[in-house]
Amino acid sequence: MGLLDKIDIEKLIEETKERIKRVYLRDDMPWVIGYSGGKDSTCTTQIIIDTLLDMTESGIPLHKKIYVVSSDTMVETPMIIDTVSDTIKKINALSVSKNLPVEASVIRPETAKSFWVNLIGRGYPCPNQTFRWCTDRLKIEPANRFIESVIDKYGEAVMILGVREGESQSRDRVLDSHTIEGKELMRHTTQANSYVFAPIRSFTKDDVWNYLLTNKSPWGSDNTKLFKLYKDSLSGDECPMIMTEEEKKHTTCGNSRFGCWVCTVVTEDKSLTGFIKNGVDWLKPLLEYRNWIYSIRDEQNRRMHCRRNGSLYFSKTGTDQDGNLVIDAKGDRGRSVIKRRGDRWFDSDDNEWYVFDTSDSEQSARDYIAEQGIDLRSGCEPRIVIKRLDDNYYKLGVGPFTMATRRELLDRLLKLQKSLDNGYVLIRPEEINLIQKTWSEEGDLENSVYAIYKKYYGDYEHVTDDIRLFGADDYDFLKALCAEENVGFTMFNELLELEKVNMGYRRRVDVHKRIKEKLNQEYISAGNMEYADED
């Protein structure tokens, strides 16, 4: 770093500290710092605490509370969450020793909304760009709950974020749209009575690294280790200007983003891959599991062909210039063309598709499903397309993962967890228990979750077996009986679970109502048709 560069960064830091001090002393609103463990949030947290320490040494009273909050999605990249946990402890220790009004904590999603309960329990398909169900449930909702609790206590709050201009055009647009001219606080996008302060908004990436690597962490962390994490992730292509040109030729660092190790929103997890390339070998099976769940997401035989409530939806299907139906490629699923041969339709694998193009195509499709006794929950592709009055074709959409696939997801995950020599926990006992409850509500009365768990761990005090109404032989008999009487065993199982949950109640009105709803769901669900983009 040249002399002018050093003067410039020192001036920037001094101006930023003065701005932090000014905003802090302006009012009584508590601050909530969002700390992720990355370079920007670390820089933000450190420069604020540095400023507080400077104020204390100058005899300026610290009159309001500051909360440092880290969101643990429970599927974070292991090295990052370890770093975050260590930092949270050290910040709290510093707060006590220096008498700072700072309290650091980790927030997590509700168990019912965790990644594994949604993916394995409810069968949600892996998140992608168009169905990114994870962000709200795992990060935004827990953070909002915390902010709301602070607002309830104090009336107002300021959210401190480590956002910077120039990171991306979309982020710049968001910053500009919420900036109040002449004010240092921005309007919060969703929270009433809350504001946003971005103290390092004008920092460049180089400024962030220069500050972190030339200023000792007040709570005692080693910022060079954070720098090494970025370097080892190998997912950026720029390095801080403090490095020599020769170092830049041989190093990739400084511009990475860390996220969840199971993230399927991106095609390739460059962060995990980078760590593995740099010798963190125990992450290899995690990457393999992540790649596997990405690869099976759009396999038709792994998805139910109805929603969890039994309703159907249809997604628009394209046509080519020859009038053939075209199902576009998606994820690892290839493009498929369905051609007409006389009155029948066949795809490139010579599978027949049932295309209903009458004036009452929806009813025709519904009758066909009922007449053929198609189990839409099984994952068997019914290959149904309807033509609506708008002259467009619509393919029967897919819903959650089938129960068979969910069992495989859990089996592979527990096998992976058991194989880790360091004892790293991938899925928690409370998630396992809730997954079993969810499966039971969908008709899994064989306690499949606990059977899978016991394959790898045996009995464990935190994972308790559920009450089984019947033994294995009884279930085999019931399955055969249902097949003989042409009764769907899935629905039969769900009715049994409904009875089990309500066992012992004297008043049966509500039970009878729910049984009626369940039966209606089974027999008229094909009539509850929706039209939406394929998730």
Protein backbone atom coordinates (compact mmCIF):
# COMPACT_ATOMS: atom_id res chain seq x y z
CA MET A 1 0.00 0.00 0.00
CA GLY A 2 1.41 3.36 -1.02
CA LEU A 3 1.57 6.40 1.23
CA LEU A 4 -1.36 8.10 -0.51
CA ASP A 5 -3.44 4.94 -0.27
CA LYS A 6 -2.67 4.72 3.46
CA ILE A 7 -3.68 8.35 3.98
CA ASP A 8 -6.89 7.82 2.03
CA ILE A 9 -7.97 4.73 4.01
CA GLU A 10 -7.12 6.38 7.34
CA LYS A 11 -9.20 9.40 6.35
CA LEU A 12 -12.10 7.16 5.29
CA ILE A 13 -12.00 5.26 8.59
CA GLU A 14 -11.89 8.47 10.64
CA GLU A 15 -14.82 9.97 8.72
CA THR A 16 -16.80 6.74 9.11
CA LYS A 17 -16.20 6.65 12.87
CA GLU A 18 -17.32 10.28 13.19
CA ARG A 19 -20.50 9.47 11.28
CA ILE A 20 -21.17 6.43 13.48
CA LYS A 21 -20.63 8.55 16.60
CA ARG A 22 -22.94 11.29 15.29
CA VAL A 23 -25.77 8.89 14.43
CA TYR A 24 -25.37 7.01 17.71
CA LEU A 25 -25.67 10.16 19.83
CA ARG A 26 -28.57 11.61 17.85
CA ASP A 27 -31.43 9.65 19.47
CA ASP A 28 -32.34 6.78 21.79
CA MET A 29 -33.22 4.19 19.15
CA PRO A 30 -31.38 0.87 19.78
CA TRP A 31 -29.25 -0.59 17.01
CA VAL A 32 -29.44 -4.10 15.58
CA ILE A 33 -26.30 -5.10 13.67
CA GLY A 34 -26.71 -7.90 11.16
CA TYR A 35 -23.56 -10.00 11.43
CA SER A 36 -23.07 -12.86 8.94
CA GLY A 37 -19.38 -13.58 9.50
CA GLY A 38 -18.43 -12.28 6.06
CA LYS A 39 -15.99 -9.47 5.38
CA ASP A 40 -18.56 -6.64 5.09
CA SER A 41 -20.52 -7.46 8.24
CA THR A 42 -17.27 -8.06 10.14
CA CYS A 43 -15.96 -4.69 8.98
CA THR A 44 -19.22 -3.00 10.01
CA THR A 45 -19.34 -4.63 13.43
CA GLN A 46 -15.66 -3.98 14.12
CA ILE A 47 -15.69 -0.31 13.16
CA ILE A 48 -18.79 0.30 15.29
CA ILE A 49 -17.28 -1.38 18.35
CA ASP A 50 -14.01 0.44 17.73
CA THR A 51 -15.99 3.68 17.74
CA LEU A 52 -17.76 2.75 20.99
CA LEU A 53 -14.40 2.03 22.64
CA ASP A 54 -13.08 5.40 21.42
CA MET A 55 -16.14 7.13 22.89
CA THR A 56 -15.69 5.35 26.22
CA GLU A 57 -12.04 6.40 26.41
CA SER A 58 -13.13 9.99 25.70
CA GLY A 59 -15.65 9.89 28.54
CA ILE A 60 -18.71 9.97 26.26
CA PRO A 61 -21.52 7.93 27.85
CA LEU A 62 -22.93 5.06 25.80
CA HIS A 63 -26.63 5.53 26.37
CA LYS A 64 -28.35 2.96 24.16
CA LYS A 65 -28.33 -0.75 23.47
CA ILE A 66 -26.65 -2.38 20.49
CA TYR A 67 -27.59 -5.91 19.46
CA VAL A 68 -25.27 -7.95 17.24
CA VAL A 69 -27.37 -10.62 15.59
CA SER A 70 -26.18 -13.52 13.47
CA SER A 71 -28.64 -15.68 11.55
CA ASP A 72 -27.80 -19.38 11.56
CA THR A 73 -29.87 -21.17 8.92
CA MET A 74 -28.71 -24.49 10.48
CA VAL A 75 -27.26 -25.46 7.09
CA GLU A 76 -24.47 -22.87 6.98
CA THR A 77 -21.05 -23.66 5.56
CA PRO A 78 -19.39 -25.34 8.58
CA MET A 79 -16.25 -23.18 8.80
CA ILE A 80 -18.30 -19.99 8.65
CA ILE A 81 -20.75 -20.94 11.40
CA ASP A 82 -17.81 -22.01 13.60
CA THR A 83 -16.20 -18.60 13.03
CA VAL A 84 -19.48 -16.82 13.76
CA SER A 85 -20.09 -18.76 16.99
CA ASP A 86 -16.59 -17.96 18.21
CA THR A 87 -17.02 -14.26 17.37
CA ILE A 88 -20.36 -14.02 19.17
CA LYS A 89 -18.77 -15.40 22.36
CA LYS A 90 -15.82 -13.03 22.11
CA ILE A 91 -18.00 -9.96 21.51
CA ASN A 92 -20.07 -10.77 24.61
CA ALA A 93 -16.89 -11.26 26.65
CA LEU A 94 -15.56 -7.90 25.43
CA SER A 95 -18.87 -6.24 26.25
CA VAL A 96 -18.67 -7.46 29.84
CA SER A 97 -15.00 -6.56 30.33
CA LYS A 98 -15.35 -3.05 28.81
CA ASN A 99 -18.87 -2.40 30.09
CA LEU A 100 -20.26 -1.86 26.60
CA PRO A 101 -24.05 -1.85 25.95
CA VAL A 102 -23.55 -4.60 23.36
CA GLU A 103 -25.27 -7.98 23.31
CA ALA A 104 -24.47 -10.59 20.66
CA SER A 105 -26.63 -13.60 19.86
CA VAL A 106 -27.43 -16.19 17.21
CA ILE A 107 -30.97 -16.51 15.86
CA ARG A 108 -32.33 -19.58 14.07
CA PRO A 109 -35.46 -20.45 12.13
CA GLU A 110 -38.32 -22.21 13.85
CA THR A 111 -37.85 -25.98 13.68
CA ALA A 112 -41.07 -26.26 11.68
CA LYS A 113 -39.50 -24.03 9.01
CA SER A 114 -36.01 -25.51 8.92
CA PHE A 115 -34.44 -26.62 5.65
CA TRP A 116 -34.67 -30.34 6.44
CA VAL A 117 -38.22 -30.23 7.76
CA ASN A 118 -39.30 -28.53 4.53
CA LEU A 119 -37.17 -30.60 2.15
CA ILE A 120 -37.40 -34.03 3.76
CA GLY A 121 -40.50 -33.61 5.91
CA ARG A 122 -42.84 -31.79 3.53
CA GLY A 123 -41.06 -32.80 0.35
CA TYR A 124 -40.43 -29.27 -0.92
CA PRO A 125 -38.28 -29.46 -4.07
CA CYS A 126 -34.80 -28.04 -3.63
CA PRO A 127 -34.78 -24.23 -3.94
CA ASN A 128 -33.97 -22.72 -7.30
CA GLN A 129 -34.09 -19.24 -8.82
CA THR A 130 -37.86 -19.35 -9.43
CA PHE A 131 -38.86 -21.20 -6.24
CA ARG A 132 -36.49 -19.82 -3.63
CA TRP A 133 -38.49 -20.80 -0.57
CA CYS A 134 -35.46 -20.97 1.73
CA THR A 135 -34.48 -17.30 2.14
CA ASP A 136 -37.67 -16.11 3.81
CA ARG A 137 -38.01 -19.09 6.13
CA LEU A 138 -34.37 -19.49 7.13
CA LYS A 139 -33.05 -15.91 7.25
CA ILE A 140 -35.60 -13.14 6.81
CA GLU A 141 -38.34 -14.37 9.15
CA PRO A 142 -36.00 -15.06 12.13
CA ALA A 143 -34.37 -11.64 11.66
CA ASN A 144 -37.73 -9.90 11.40
CA ARG A 145 -38.95 -11.62 14.57
CA PHE A 146 -35.90 -10.35 16.43
CA ILE A 147 -36.28 -6.81 15.11
CA GLU A 148 -39.99 -6.83 16.01
CA SER A 149 -39.13 -7.88 19.58
CA VAL A 150 -36.73 -4.94 19.85
CA ILE A 151 -39.35 -2.54 18.43
CA ASP A 152 -41.95 -3.90 20.85
CA LYS A 153 -39.57 -3.12 23.71
CA TYR A 154 -38.25 0.28 22.59
CA GLY A 155 -40.82 1.55 20.07
CA GLU A 156 -38.25 2.04 17.28
CA ALA A 157 -35.00 0.50 16.08
CA VAL A 158 -32.18 1.04 13.61
CA MET A 159 -30.96 -1.92 11.55
CA ILE A 160 -27.22 -1.70 10.81
CA LEU A 161 -26.21 -3.41 7.58
CA GLY A 162 -22.84 -3.96 5.95
CA VAL A 163 -24.09 -3.09 2.47
CA ARG A 164 -21.87 -1.19 0.08
CA GLU A 165 -22.40 0.75 -3.11
CA GLY A 166 -20.91 -0.88 -6.17
CA GLU A 167 -21.45 -4.47 -4.99
CA SER A 168 -24.14 -4.96 -7.62
CA GLN A 169 -26.50 -2.86 -9.70
CA SER A 170 -29.55 -4.36 -7.97
CA ARG A 171 -28.18 -3.54 -4.51
CA ASP A 172 -27.35 0.00 -5.63
CA ARG A 173 -30.93 0.45 -6.84
CA VAL A 174 -32.27 -0.74 -3.49
CA LEU A 175 -29.96 1.64 -1.61
CA ASP A 176 -30.97 4.57 -3.81
CA SER A 177 -34.70 3.85 -3.57
CA HIS A 178 -34.70 3.89 0.23
CA THR A 179 -32.28 6.75 0.80
CA ILE A 180 -33.78 9.94 2.22
CA GLU A 181 -31.96 12.91 0.71
CA GLY A 182 -29.83 14.70 3.27
CA LYS A 183 -30.37 11.94 5.86
CA GLU A 184 -28.01 9.22 7.04
CA LEU A 185 -30.79 6.78 7.90
CA MET A 186 -32.81 4.94 5.24
CA ARG A 187 -36.35 3.67 5.41
CA HIS A 188 -36.65 -0.04 6.19
CA THR A 189 -38.33 -1.88 3.34
CA THR A 190 -40.82 -3.90 5.41
CA GLN A 191 -40.55 -3.06 9.12
CA ALA A 192 -42.60 -0.19 10.48
CA ASN A 193 -40.85 2.06 13.04
CA SER A 194 -37.45 0.90 11.90
CA TYR A 195 -34.64 2.44 9.87
CA VAL A 196 -31.46 1.30 8.16
CA PHE A 197 -27.97 2.70 8.65
CA ALA A 198 -25.15 1.57 6.33
CA PRO A 199 -21.91 2.97 7.83
CA ILE A 200 -19.57 1.41 5.24
CA ARG A 201 -21.79 2.26 2.28
CA SER A 202 -19.01 4.18 0.51
CA PHE A 203 -16.31 1.53 1.13
CA THR A 204 -14.86 -0.47 -1.73
CA LYS A 205 -13.93 -4.11 -1.32
CA ASP A 206 -10.31 -3.05 -1.03
CA ASP A 207 -11.22 -0.56 1.70
CA VAL A 208 -12.92 -3.33 3.67
CA TRP A 209 -9.89 -5.62 3.52
CA ASN A 210 -7.44 -2.83 4.21
CA TYR A 211 -9.32 -1.88 7.35
CA LEU A 212 -9.69 -5.46 8.58
CA LEU A 213 -6.07 -6.43 7.95
CA THR A 214 -4.47 -3.27 9.34
CA ASN A 215 -6.72 -2.83 12.41
CA LYS A 216 -6.73 -5.38 15.19
CA SER A 217 -10.08 -6.90 16.04
CA PRO A 218 -11.25 -5.40 19.37
CA TRP A 219 -12.69 -8.75 20.50
CA GLY A 220 -9.52 -10.66 19.65
CA SER A 221 -10.38 -12.52 16.43
CA ASP A 222 -7.74 -12.92 13.76
CA ASN A 223 -8.92 -11.22 10.57
CA THR A 224 -6.17 -12.90 8.57
CA LYS A 225 -8.04 -16.17 9.17
CA LEU A 226 -11.15 -14.59 7.67
CA PHE A 227 -9.05 -13.49 4.71
CA LYS A 228 -7.78 -17.06 4.34
CA LEU A 229 -11.36 -18.36 4.30
CA TYR A 230 -12.08 -16.10 1.36
CA LYS A 231 -8.86 -17.08 -0.35
CA ASP A 232 -9.54 -20.78 0.14
CA SER A 233 -13.08 -20.51 -1.22
CA LEU A 234 -11.60 -19.63 -4.64
CA SER A 235 -14.89 -18.17 -5.85
CA GLY A 236 -13.81 -14.64 -6.68
CA ASP A 237 -11.32 -13.31 -9.17
CA GLU A 238 -10.02 -10.21 -7.43
CA CYS A 239 -7.77 -9.61 -4.44
CA PRO A 240 -7.33 -6.65 -2.11
CA MET A 241 -4.86 -4.03 -3.30
CA ILE A 242 -2.63 -4.70 -0.31
CA MET A 243 -1.40 -7.79 -2.13
CA THR A 244 1.52 -7.59 -4.52
CA GLU A 245 1.02 -8.13 -8.23
CA GLU A 246 2.94 -11.41 -7.97
CA GLU A 247 0.60 -12.65 -5.21
CA LYS A 248 -2.40 -11.73 -7.32
CA LYS A 249 -1.16 -13.94 -10.15
CA HIS A 250 -1.26 -17.01 -7.93
CA THR A 251 -4.15 -16.26 -5.61
CA THR A 252 -7.89 -15.89 -5.98
CA CYS A 253 -9.63 -14.30 -3.06
CA GLY A 254 -11.56 -11.51 -1.49
CA ASN A 255 -14.78 -11.51 -3.48
CA SER A 256 -16.53 -14.66 -2.31
CA ARG A 257 -19.93 -15.03 -0.73
CA PHE A 258 -20.55 -17.79 1.79
CA GLY A 259 -23.94 -19.40 2.13
CA CYS A 260 -25.60 -22.68 2.94
CA TRP A 261 -23.67 -25.83 2.08
CA VAL A 262 -26.84 -27.33 0.58
CA CYS A 263 -27.59 -24.32 -1.65
CA THR A 264 -29.11 -25.44 -4.96
CA VAL A 265 -30.06 -21.96 -6.15
CA VAL A 266 -26.68 -21.85 -7.89
CA THR A 267 -25.67 -24.49 -10.43
CA GLU A 268 -22.27 -25.05 -8.81
CA ASP A 269 -21.24 -24.45 -5.21
CA LYS A 270 -17.90 -22.72 -5.81
CA SER A 271 -17.34 -22.01 -2.12
CA LEU A 272 -17.46 -25.67 -1.00
CA THR A 273 -15.46 -26.69 -4.05
CA GLY A 274 -12.83 -24.09 -3.21
CA PHE A 275 -12.46 -25.28 0.39
CA ILE A 276 -12.07 -28.86 -0.80
CA LYS A 277 -9.41 -27.86 -3.34
CA ASN A 278 -7.54 -26.22 -0.50
CA GLY A 279 -7.44 -29.38 1.57
CA VAL A 280 -10.68 -29.43 3.61
CA ASP A 281 -11.35 -33.01 2.53
CA TRP A 282 -14.11 -33.77 5.02
CA LEU A 283 -16.42 -31.47 3.04
CA LYS A 284 -16.31 -33.78 0.00
CA PRO A 285 -19.30 -35.94 1.04
CA LEU A 286 -21.28 -32.78 1.84
CA LEU A 287 -20.64 -31.48 -1.67
CA GLU A 288 -21.58 -34.87 -3.13
CA TYR A 289 -24.87 -34.84 -1.22
CA ARG A 290 -25.57 -31.27 -2.34
CA ASN A 291 -24.85 -32.17 -5.96
CA TRP A 292 -27.09 -35.23 -5.72
CA ILE A 293 -30.13 -33.35 -4.40
CA TYR A 294 -29.57 -30.77 -7.16
CA SER A 295 -29.52 -33.52 -9.79
CA ILE A 296 -32.76 -35.22 -8.68
CA ARG A 297 -34.83 -32.05 -8.25
CA ASP A 298 -36.65 -32.25 -11.58
CA GLU A 299 -36.78 -36.00 -12.04
CA GLN A 300 -40.47 -36.62 -12.70
CA ASN A 301 -40.55 -40.01 -10.98
CA ARG A 302 -39.33 -38.40 -7.74
CA ARG A 303 -42.14 -35.85 -7.58
CA MET A 304 -45.80 -36.23 -6.73
CA HIS A 305 -48.18 -35.04 -9.44
CA CYS A 306 -50.40 -33.13 -7.04
CA ARG A 307 -49.96 -30.63 -4.24
CA ARG A 308 -49.66 -31.78 -0.64
CA ASN A 309 -53.38 -31.02 -0.20
CA GLY A 310 -54.25 -33.20 -3.20
CA SER A 311 -55.05 -30.41 -5.65
CA LEU A 312 -53.62 -30.32 -9.15
CA TYR A 313 -51.95 -27.63 -11.17
CA PHE A 314 -51.05 -27.33 -14.83
CA SER A 315 -48.12 -25.45 -16.33
CA LYS A 316 -48.08 -24.04 -19.84
CA THR A 317 -46.32 -26.19 -22.43
CA GLY A 318 -44.72 -24.71 -25.52
CA THR A 319 -45.18 -25.82 -29.10
CA ASP A 320 -42.78 -25.73 -32.05
CA GLN A 321 -43.47 -24.66 -35.63
CA ASP A 322 -44.57 -28.20 -36.53
CA GLY A 323 -47.23 -28.26 -33.84
CA ASN A 324 -45.28 -30.60 -31.55
CA LEU A 325 -45.49 -30.11 -27.80
CA VAL A 326 -42.21 -29.03 -26.18
CA ILE A 327 -41.27 -29.51 -22.54
CA ASP A 328 -38.23 -27.35 -21.91
CA ALA A 329 -35.09 -28.51 -20.15
CA LYS A 330 -35.02 -27.75 -16.44
CA GLY A 331 -32.17 -28.37 -14.01
CA ASP A 332 -30.72 -31.76 -14.97
CA ARG A 333 -33.87 -32.68 -16.92
CA GLY A 334 -33.45 -32.65 -20.67
CA ARG A 335 -35.73 -31.08 -23.29
CA SER A 336 -38.56 -33.31 -24.49
CA VAL A 337 -40.60 -33.12 -27.72
CA ILE A 338 -44.01 -34.82 -27.95
CA LYS A 339 -45.14 -35.59 -31.48
CA ARG A 340 -48.54 -36.53 -32.79
CA ARG A 341 -49.05 -39.84 -34.59
CA GLY A 342 -52.59 -39.97 -35.84
CA ASP A 343 -54.78 -39.53 -32.79
CA ARG A 344 -52.02 -40.35 -30.31
CA TRP A 345 -48.97 -38.52 -28.94
CA PHE A 346 -45.49 -39.92 -28.21
CA ASP A 347 -42.27 -38.45 -26.88
CA SER A 348 -38.75 -39.18 -28.11
CA ASP A 349 -38.51 -42.20 -25.79
CA ASP A 350 -41.72 -43.55 -27.38
CA ASN A 351 -43.73 -43.00 -24.20
CA GLU A 352 -47.36 -42.23 -24.94
CA TRP A 353 -48.85 -38.96 -23.67
CA TYR A 354 -52.54 -38.43 -23.10
CA VAL A 355 -53.55 -35.13 -24.64
CA PHE A 356 -57.08 -33.96 -23.99
CA ASP A 357 -58.11 -31.28 -26.46
CA THR A 358 -61.89 -31.43 -26.28
CA SER A 359 -64.08 -28.50 -25.25
CA ASP A 360 -64.17 -30.02 -21.76
CA SER A 361 -60.56 -31.13 -21.52
CA GLU A 362 -60.29 -30.53 -17.75
CA GLN A 363 -63.22 -32.86 -17.02
CA SER A 364 -61.84 -35.42 -19.46
CA ALA A 365 -58.49 -35.40 -17.68
CA ARG A 366 -60.20 -35.71 -14.31
CA ASP A 367 -62.27 -38.68 -15.51
CA TYR A 368 -59.19 -40.35 -16.97
CA ILE A 369 -57.30 -40.07 -13.65
CA ALA A 370 -60.24 -41.60 -11.78
CA GLU A 371 -60.93 -44.36 -14.30
CA GLN A 372 -57.28 -45.44 -14.46
CA GLY A 373 -56.91 -45.32 -10.68
CA ILE A 374 -53.75 -43.22 -11.03
CA ASP A 375 -51.99 -42.58 -7.73
CA LEU A 376 -50.79 -39.02 -8.21
CA ARG A 377 -48.64 -39.27 -5.06
CA SER A 378 -46.59 -42.21 -6.27
CA GLY A 379 -44.23 -40.40 -8.63
CA CYS A 380 -45.41 -42.40 -11.62
CA GLU A 381 -45.58 -39.92 -14.54
CA PRO A 382 -49.21 -39.93 -15.81
CA ARG A 383 -48.12 -37.96 -18.90
CA ILE A 384 -51.24 -35.81 -19.11
CA VAL A 385 -51.62 -32.65 -21.19
CA ILE A 386 -54.79 -30.62 -21.68
CA LYS A 387 -55.70 -27.97 -24.22
CA ARG A 388 -57.67 -25.07 -22.81
CA LEU A 389 -60.04 -22.69 -24.51
CA ASP A 390 -57.15 -20.25 -24.99
CA ASP A 391 -55.71 -22.82 -27.48
CA ASN A 392 -52.61 -23.31 -25.31
CA TYR A 393 -51.47 -26.68 -24.00
CA TYR A 394 -50.83 -27.32 -20.30
CA LYS A 395 -48.90 -30.19 -18.75
CA LEU A 396 -49.89 -31.70 -15.41
CA GLY A 397 -47.48 -30.13 -12.94
CA VAL A 398 -45.37 -31.78 -10.28
CA GLY A 399 -45.64 -31.26 -6.54
CA PRO A 400 -43.49 -32.28 -3.57
CA PHE A 401 -40.96 -35.09 -3.53
CA THR A 402 -42.59 -38.50 -3.20
CA MET A 403 -42.46 -40.25 0.15
CA ALA A 404 -40.00 -42.78 -1.30
CA THR A 405 -37.63 -39.98 -2.32
CA ARG A 406 -37.98 -38.29 1.07
CA ARG A 407 -37.00 -41.54 2.75
CA GLU A 408 -33.94 -41.72 0.51
CA LEU A 409 -33.06 -38.09 1.27
CA LEU A 410 -33.13 -38.80 5.01
CA ASP A 411 -31.32 -42.12 4.70
CA ARG A 412 -28.44 -40.59 2.75
CA LEU A 413 -28.23 -37.58 5.06
CA LEU A 414 -28.03 -39.68 8.23
CA LYS A 415 -25.51 -42.01 6.59
CA LEU A 416 -23.44 -38.95 5.68
CA GLN A 417 -23.68 -37.50 9.18
CA LYS A 418 -22.68 -40.82 10.73
CA SER A 419 -19.62 -41.02 8.47
CA LEU A 420 -18.17 -37.68 9.59
CA ASP A 421 -15.18 -38.28 11.85
CA ASN A 422 -15.49 -34.86 13.47
CA GLY A 423 -19.03 -35.53 14.74
CA TYR A 424 -20.46 -32.51 12.86
CA VAL A 425 -24.26 -32.38 13.24
CA LEU A 426 -26.13 -31.93 9.95
CA ILE A 427 -29.68 -32.54 11.19
CA ARG A 428 -30.92 -32.07 14.74
CA PRO A 429 -33.05 -34.51 16.79
CA GLU A 430 -35.93 -32.02 17.00
CA GLU A 431 -36.00 -31.86 13.19
CA ILE A 432 -36.06 -35.65 12.97
CA ASN A 433 -39.00 -35.85 15.36
CA LEU A 434 -40.94 -33.21 13.44
CA ILE A 435 -40.23 -34.95 10.12
CA GLN A 436 -41.78 -38.13 11.53
CA LYS A 437 -44.83 -36.17 12.70
CA THR A 438 -45.18 -34.63 9.22
CA TRP A 439 -44.85 -37.99 7.50
CA SER A 440 -47.38 -39.53 9.86
CA GLU A 441 -49.88 -36.84 8.94
CA GLU A 442 -49.40 -37.88 5.32
CA GLY A 443 -50.10 -41.50 6.09
CA ASP A 444 -46.71 -42.94 7.09
CA LEU A 445 -47.80 -44.98 10.09
CA GLU A 446 -44.80 -47.30 9.91
CA ASN A 447 -42.59 -44.71 11.64
CA SER A 448 -40.17 -44.76 8.72
CA VAL A 449 -38.08 -41.89 10.13
CA TYR A 450 -37.18 -43.76 13.29
CA ALA A 451 -36.52 -46.96 11.37
CA ILE A 452 -34.04 -45.10 9.16
CA TYR A 453 -32.49 -43.35 12.17
CA LYS A 454 -31.95 -46.63 14.01
CA LYS A 455 -30.04 -48.04 11.03
CA TYR A 456 -27.21 -45.66 11.85
CA TYR A 457 -27.61 -44.64 15.48
CA GLY A 458 -29.72 -47.18 17.30
CA ASP A 459 -31.92 -45.83 20.11
CA TYR A 460 -31.23 -42.29 21.22
CA GLU A 461 -32.86 -40.45 24.08
CA HIS A 462 -33.73 -37.33 22.04
CA VAL A 463 -35.35 -39.27 19.18
CA THR A 464 -38.36 -41.09 20.53
CA ASP A 465 -40.39 -43.64 18.61
CA ASP A 466 -44.04 -42.82 17.95
CA ILE A 467 -47.04 -44.98 18.82
CA ARG A 468 -47.69 -47.58 16.14
CA LEU A 469 -51.25 -48.76 15.67
CA PHE A 470 -50.29 -51.96 13.84
CA GLY A 471 -47.34 -54.24 13.26
CA ALA A 472 -45.56 -54.88 9.97
CA ASP A 473 -47.69 -57.97 9.17
CA ASP A 474 -50.85 -55.96 9.80
CA TYR A 475 -49.75 -53.30 7.34
CA ASP A 476 -48.99 -55.90 4.69
CA PHE A 477 -52.49 -57.29 5.15
CA LEU A 478 -54.07 -53.81 4.96
CA LYS A 479 -52.12 -52.97 1.80
CA ALA A 480 -53.33 -56.16 0.14
CA LEU A 481 -56.90 -55.48 1.28
CA CYS A 482 -56.82 -51.93 -0.07
CA ALA A 483 -55.53 -53.21 -3.41
CA GLU A 484 -58.27 -55.84 -3.53
CA GLU A 485 -61.00 -53.29 -2.79
CA ASN A 486 -59.45 -50.61 -5.08
CA VAL A 487 -58.95 -48.21 -2.16
CA GLY A 488 -55.93 -45.95 -2.15
CA PHE A 489 -53.63 -47.08 0.67
CA THR A 490 -52.17 -43.56 1.05
CA MET A 491 -55.61 -42.16 1.83
CA PHE A 492 -56.34 -45.11 4.13
CA ASN A 493 -53.11 -44.41 6.01
CA GLU A 494 -53.97 -40.71 6.35
CA LEU A 495 -57.38 -41.57 7.81
CA LEU A 496 -55.71 -43.92 10.29
CA GLU A 497 -53.31 -41.16 11.34
CA LEU A 498 -56.24 -38.77 11.74
CA GLU A 499 -57.93 -41.28 14.03
CA LYS A 500 -54.72 -41.85 16.00
CA VAL A 501 -54.17 -38.13 16.59
CA ASN A 502 -57.73 -37.73 17.86
CA MET A 503 -57.79 -40.94 19.87
CA GLY A 504 -59.54 -40.52 23.22
CA TYR A 505 -61.63 -37.44 22.37
CA ARG A 506 -65.26 -37.73 23.46
CA ARG A 507 -66.50 -35.07 21.08
CA ARG A 508 -66.23 -36.44 17.56
CA VAL A 509 -67.74 -33.56 15.59
CA ASP A 510 -64.40 -32.10 14.59
CA VAL A 511 -62.98 -35.53 13.75
CA HIS A 512 -65.93 -36.32 11.50
CA LYS A 513 -65.53 -32.94 9.79
CA ARG A 514 -61.85 -33.58 9.08
CA ILE A 515 -62.58 -37.10 7.79
CA LYS A 516 -65.14 -35.63 5.39
CA GLU A 517 -62.62 -33.03 4.20
CA LYS A 518 -60.02 -35.76 3.67
CA LEU A 519 -62.42 -37.87 1.63
CA ASN A 520 -63.49 -34.89 -0.45
CA GLN A 521 -59.84 -34.07 -1.03
CA GLU A 522 -59.23 -37.59 -2.34
CA TYR A 523 -62.14 -37.85 -4.70
CA ILE A 524 -62.55 -34.34 -6.07
CA SER A 525 -58.97 -33.13 -5.89
CA ALA A 526 -58.57 -33.51 -9.64
CA GLY A 527 -61.30 -30.92 -9.96
CA ASN A 528 -59.30 -28.37 -7.96
CA MET A 529 -57.18 -27.32 -10.89
CA GLU A 530 -54.76 -24.41 -10.81
CA TYR A 531 -52.56 -22.94 -13.52
CA ALA A 532 -49.07 -21.81 -12.63
CA ASP A 533 -45.47 -21.87 -13.80
CA GLU A 534 -43.66 -25.09 -13.03
CA ASP A 535 -41.81 -24.75 -9.71
